[in-house]
N, C-alpha and C. Protein backbone atom coordinates (compact mmCIF):
# COMPACT_ATOMS: atom_id res chain seq x y z
N MET A 1 78.43 105.99 77.03
CA MET A 1 80.00 106.89 77.28
C MET A 1 79.52 108.12 77.79
N GLY A 2 79.11 108.83 76.83
CA GLY A 2 78.97 110.43 76.47
C GLY A 2 78.48 110.86 77.96
N GLU A 3 77.15 110.20 78.35
CA GLU A 3 76.99 110.82 79.46
C GLU A 3 77.35 110.39 80.66
N LEU A 4 78.06 109.71 80.58
CA LEU A 4 78.96 109.53 82.16
C LEU A 4 80.03 110.78 81.86
N TRP A 5 80.87 110.39 80.91
CA TRP A 5 81.50 111.92 80.55
C TRP A 5 81.16 112.96 80.97
N GLU A 6 80.17 113.92 80.71
CA GLU A 6 79.03 114.86 81.08
C GLU A 6 78.74 114.82 82.74
N ASP A 7 78.43 113.77 82.87
CA ASP A 7 78.50 113.61 84.41
C ASP A 7 79.53 114.45 85.29
N TRP A 8 80.64 113.58 84.83
CA TRP A 8 81.88 113.50 85.78
C TRP A 8 82.56 115.12 85.65
N HIS A 9 82.60 115.39 84.14
CA HIS A 9 83.14 116.32 83.85
C HIS A 9 82.11 117.76 84.60
N ARG A 10 80.94 117.46 84.62
CA ARG A 10 79.83 118.63 85.23
C ARG A 10 80.54 118.75 86.48
N GLY A 11 80.58 117.73 87.09
CA GLY A 11 80.64 117.53 88.73
C GLY A 11 82.17 118.14 89.20
N ALA A 12 83.04 117.48 88.33
CA ALA A 12 84.47 118.11 88.80
C ALA A 12 84.59 119.38 88.27
N GLU A 13 83.85 120.11 87.40
CA GLU A 13 83.91 121.52 87.03
C GLU A 13 83.23 122.50 88.29
N GLY A 14 81.93 121.91 88.71
CA GLY A 14 81.24 122.44 89.45
C GLY A 14 82.03 122.62 90.97
N SER A 15 82.62 121.68 91.38
CA SER A 15 83.64 121.64 92.53
C SER A 15 84.53 122.21 92.55
N GLY A 16 85.57 122.54 91.35
CA GLY A 16 86.35 123.39 91.28
C GLY A 16 87.88 122.71 91.07
N GLU A 17 87.52 121.21 91.14
CA GLU A 17 88.76 120.08 91.07
C GLU A 17 89.41 120.42 89.88
N LEU A 18 88.63 120.47 88.89
CA LEU A 18 89.57 120.44 87.23
C LEU A 18 90.27 121.50 87.55
N SER A 19 89.93 122.89 87.79
CA SER A 19 90.77 124.20 87.73
C SER A 19 91.45 124.08 88.65
N LEU A 20 91.55 123.40 89.87
CA LEU A 20 92.75 123.11 90.54
C LEU A 20 93.59 121.88 90.12
N ALA A 21 93.22 121.21 89.57
CA ALA A 21 94.04 120.27 89.01
C ALA A 21 95.06 120.98 87.56
N LEU A 22 94.51 121.88 87.00
CA LEU A 22 95.15 122.48 85.62
C LEU A 22 96.15 123.32 86.28
N VAL A 23 95.66 124.00 87.63
CA VAL A 23 96.71 125.04 88.34
C VAL A 23 97.67 124.50 88.52
N LEU A 24 97.46 123.46 89.27
CA LEU A 24 98.81 122.15 89.75
C LEU A 24 99.64 121.83 88.63
N VAL A 25 99.22 121.51 87.44
CA VAL A 25 99.98 120.98 86.36
C VAL A 25 100.75 121.92 85.66
N ILE A 26 100.09 123.05 85.85
CA ILE A 26 100.86 123.76 85.02
C ILE A 26 101.93 124.59 86.03
N GLY A 27 101.44 124.85 87.28
CA GLY A 27 102.40 124.99 88.03
C GLY A 27 103.70 124.17 88.35
N PHE A 28 103.36 123.03 88.46
CA PHE A 28 104.38 122.10 88.48
C PHE A 28 105.77 122.31 87.54
N GLY A 29 104.74 122.13 86.28
CA GLY A 29 105.62 122.31 85.05
C GLY A 29 106.55 123.32 85.30
N LEU A 30 106.17 124.64 85.05
CA LEU A 30 106.36 125.93 85.08
C LEU A 30 107.77 125.66 86.46
N HIS A 31 107.56 125.21 87.87
CA HIS A 31 108.57 125.24 88.62
C HIS A 31 109.92 124.03 87.89
N ASN A 32 109.56 123.00 87.37
CA ASN A 32 110.70 121.94 86.87
C ASN A 32 111.25 122.50 85.76
N ALA A 33 110.50 123.41 85.14
CA ALA A 33 111.33 123.78 83.64
C ALA A 33 112.28 124.77 84.31
N THR A 34 111.94 125.63 85.27
CA THR A 34 112.93 127.02 85.77
C THR A 34 113.71 126.19 86.76
N GLU A 35 113.49 125.31 87.65
CA GLU A 35 114.58 124.61 88.45
C GLU A 35 115.63 124.01 87.53
N GLY A 36 115.34 123.50 86.40
CA GLY A 36 116.40 122.79 85.36
C GLY A 36 116.99 124.04 84.76
N PHE A 37 116.39 124.81 84.47
CA PHE A 37 117.60 125.88 83.91
C PHE A 37 118.54 126.63 84.96
N GLY A 38 118.23 126.93 86.22
CA GLY A 38 119.01 126.86 87.23
C GLY A 38 120.02 126.33 87.41
N ILE A 39 119.62 124.62 87.25
CA ILE A 39 120.93 123.68 87.48
C ILE A 39 121.90 123.73 86.50
N VAL A 40 121.53 123.53 85.37
CA VAL A 40 122.11 123.54 84.20
C VAL A 40 122.83 124.90 83.56
N ALA A 41 122.58 125.97 83.96
CA ALA A 41 122.57 127.08 83.38
C ALA A 41 124.30 127.09 83.83
N PRO A 42 124.65 127.21 84.84
CA PRO A 42 126.05 127.45 85.31
C PRO A 42 126.95 126.28 84.67
N LEU A 43 126.47 125.48 84.73
CA LEU A 43 127.49 124.44 83.39
C LEU A 43 127.92 125.09 82.28
N ALA A 44 126.84 126.03 81.76
CA ALA A 44 127.35 126.36 80.67
C ALA A 44 128.69 127.09 80.34
N GLY A 45 128.88 127.56 81.35
CA GLY A 45 130.13 128.44 81.12
C GLY A 45 131.46 128.09 82.07
N ASP A 46 131.50 126.75 82.52
CA ASP A 46 132.45 126.47 83.57
C ASP A 46 133.48 125.66 83.02
N MET A 47 134.54 126.25 83.37
CA MET A 47 136.30 126.09 82.70
C MET A 47 136.94 125.86 83.89
N ASP A 48 137.89 124.82 83.49
CA ASP A 48 139.10 124.40 84.43
C ASP A 48 140.10 125.35 84.65
N LEU A 49 141.33 125.16 85.22
CA LEU A 49 142.18 125.97 85.63
C LEU A 49 142.86 126.47 84.03
N GLU A 50 142.99 125.63 83.01
CA GLU A 50 143.54 125.32 81.74
C GLU A 50 142.41 126.37 80.84
N ARG A 51 141.50 127.08 81.04
CA ARG A 51 140.59 127.46 80.32
C ARG A 51 139.80 126.36 79.39
N ASN A 52 139.95 125.05 79.73
CA ASN A 52 139.20 124.24 79.18
C ASN A 52 137.83 124.12 79.67
N SER A 53 136.74 124.05 78.65
CA SER A 53 135.55 123.73 78.90
C SER A 53 135.16 122.41 79.26
N ARG A 54 134.30 122.54 80.47
CA ARG A 54 134.28 121.15 81.50
C ARG A 54 132.79 120.57 81.32
N GLN A 55 131.99 121.36 80.25
CA GLN A 55 130.53 120.70 79.77
C GLN A 55 130.39 119.50 79.55
N PRO A 56 129.81 118.84 79.92
CA PRO A 56 129.28 117.12 79.73
C PRO A 56 129.33 116.83 78.20
N SER A 57 128.41 117.59 77.53
CA SER A 57 128.40 117.66 76.17
C SER A 57 129.79 117.80 75.21
N ALA A 58 130.58 118.50 76.00
CA ALA A 58 131.94 118.40 75.46
C ALA A 58 132.71 117.31 74.35
N LYS A 59 132.33 116.10 75.53
CA LYS A 59 133.09 114.91 75.46
C LYS A 59 132.16 113.74 74.87
N ALA A 60 131.28 114.04 74.86
CA ALA A 60 130.35 113.17 74.37
C ALA A 60 129.38 113.57 73.45
N ARG A 61 128.97 112.88 72.37
CA ARG A 61 128.04 113.54 71.20
C ARG A 61 126.89 113.30 71.69
N ARG A 62 125.89 114.35 70.96
CA ARG A 62 124.39 114.36 71.40
C ARG A 62 123.71 113.26 71.40
N PRO A 63 123.69 112.28 70.43
CA PRO A 63 122.90 111.05 70.13
C PRO A 63 123.36 110.10 71.20
N ASP A 64 124.52 110.10 72.20
CA ASP A 64 125.03 109.47 72.89
C ASP A 64 124.69 109.91 74.49
N LEU A 65 124.58 111.15 74.28
CA LEU A 65 123.61 111.45 76.00
C LEU A 65 121.85 111.17 75.37
N LEU A 66 121.57 111.30 74.56
CA LEU A 66 120.26 111.12 74.32
C LEU A 66 119.62 109.70 74.77
N ALA A 67 120.87 108.68 73.97
CA ALA A 67 120.43 107.27 74.14
C ALA A 67 120.67 107.08 76.04
N TYR A 68 121.48 107.46 76.15
CA TYR A 68 121.93 107.44 77.58
C TYR A 68 120.68 107.89 78.53
N GLY A 69 120.30 108.87 78.30
CA GLY A 69 119.10 109.40 79.13
C GLY A 69 117.54 108.55 78.92
N LEU A 70 117.91 108.31 77.49
CA LEU A 70 116.56 107.49 77.43
C LEU A 70 116.65 105.85 78.06
N LEU A 71 117.74 105.60 78.15
CA LEU A 71 117.86 104.21 78.83
C LEU A 71 117.60 104.16 80.08
N LEU A 72 118.42 105.42 80.83
CA LEU A 72 118.37 105.53 81.96
C LEU A 72 116.54 105.98 82.79
N GLY A 73 116.09 106.68 81.98
CA GLY A 73 114.59 107.01 82.23
C GLY A 73 113.97 105.66 82.33
N LEU A 74 113.96 104.84 80.95
CA LEU A 74 113.36 103.80 81.08
C LEU A 74 113.42 102.98 82.29
N SER A 75 114.97 102.79 82.28
CA SER A 75 115.05 101.93 83.40
C SER A 75 114.36 102.34 84.65
N ALA A 76 114.34 103.14 84.98
CA ALA A 76 114.23 104.06 86.07
C ALA A 76 112.49 103.74 86.43
N GLY A 77 111.82 103.84 85.12
CA GLY A 77 110.45 103.36 85.05
C GLY A 77 109.99 102.48 85.26
N PHE A 78 110.98 100.96 84.75
CA PHE A 78 110.59 99.55 85.02
C PHE A 78 110.51 99.49 86.29
N LEU A 79 111.56 99.79 87.00
CA LEU A 79 112.20 99.59 88.46
C LEU A 79 110.97 100.10 89.34
N THR A 80 110.46 101.19 88.82
CA THR A 80 109.77 101.84 89.92
C THR A 80 108.11 101.07 90.00
N ASP A 81 108.00 100.66 88.44
CA ASP A 81 106.77 99.79 88.03
C ASP A 81 107.06 98.61 89.00
N ALA A 82 108.16 97.56 89.30
CA ALA A 82 108.36 96.61 89.95
C ALA A 82 108.25 96.79 91.16
N ILE A 83 108.78 97.85 91.65
CA ILE A 83 108.74 98.07 93.24
C ILE A 83 107.15 98.41 93.75
N ILE A 84 106.28 98.81 92.92
CA ILE A 84 104.95 99.48 93.45
C ILE A 84 104.33 97.81 93.07
N THR A 85 104.53 97.08 92.05
CA THR A 85 104.02 95.84 91.67
C THR A 85 103.86 95.09 92.79
N ALA A 86 105.17 94.72 93.18
CA ALA A 86 105.72 94.04 94.57
C ALA A 86 105.41 94.27 95.85
N ALA A 87 104.83 95.60 95.93
CA ALA A 87 104.52 96.08 97.28
C ALA A 87 102.73 96.08 97.06
N GLY A 88 102.14 95.64 96.02
CA GLY A 88 100.89 95.10 95.84
C GLY A 88 99.68 96.54 96.10
N VAL A 89 100.27 97.72 95.84
CA VAL A 89 99.71 99.11 95.54
C VAL A 89 98.92 99.34 94.30
């Protein structure tokens, strides 16, 4: 196993694929984080005409939002897996 890993690592490193993959992963992560801030930030100070906060978290507790987010994420993951499996990919 060690020899196989060394051969693969040396090959990927020599061809520049490892560094490209690292740059892509970091770049996508930074892009997604900053995009999320740009979408959520305007909601932080959103007020209606009566000066009441329209924040989604003002009406729901954090554990409720966390549970809903986890349920939605797991459901989306299982649905994606089912579709890919059914397609034979």
